Amino acid sequence: MSAVTDKDYIDSRLETVSTRMLGEVRTIMAEMAGQQKAFEARTEAAIATIRELIDNKFAEQDAKQQRMNAELIKWVVGVMIAFGGLGITLGGLGLGYVTFLLNSSLQKPAATPIVIYAQPAAATPLQSPAPAPSAPQLR
């Protein structure tokens, strides 16, 4: 064989092998691209499902928090009303107690005794009344 013919033969063989390998690489890359797209689709679907679950959980938590806030407000208002009533009641009792203490602790002026003076007797003598008839005594 001559060098030119050998070179041409090797070049043609190399070209054939390169073309065949390039075709196989392109086929493998196409398969991998398809697998990658399928993987991306599955991943996107899984992410969408996870997002939906998270959104649902957040909605549940938000509703629960709203109920708890309403319950808390109800309790705070109820306690405030109860303490207000208790304060008014104790304030009234305290005011009554203080009024009682002030009224009982203040010095009351001593009452002046009522003095009745006997009138002087008249100058004319009084006649003694007739004795009352006495009842017969039994023995």
Foldseek 3Di string as FASTA:
>chain_A
DDPVVVVVVVVVVVVVVVVVVVVVVVVVVVVVVVVVVVVVVVVVVVVVVVVVVVVVVVVVVVVVVVVVVVVVVVVVVVVVVVVVVVCVVVVVVVVVVVVVCVVVVDDDDDDDDDDDDDDDDDPDDDDDDDDDDDDDDDD
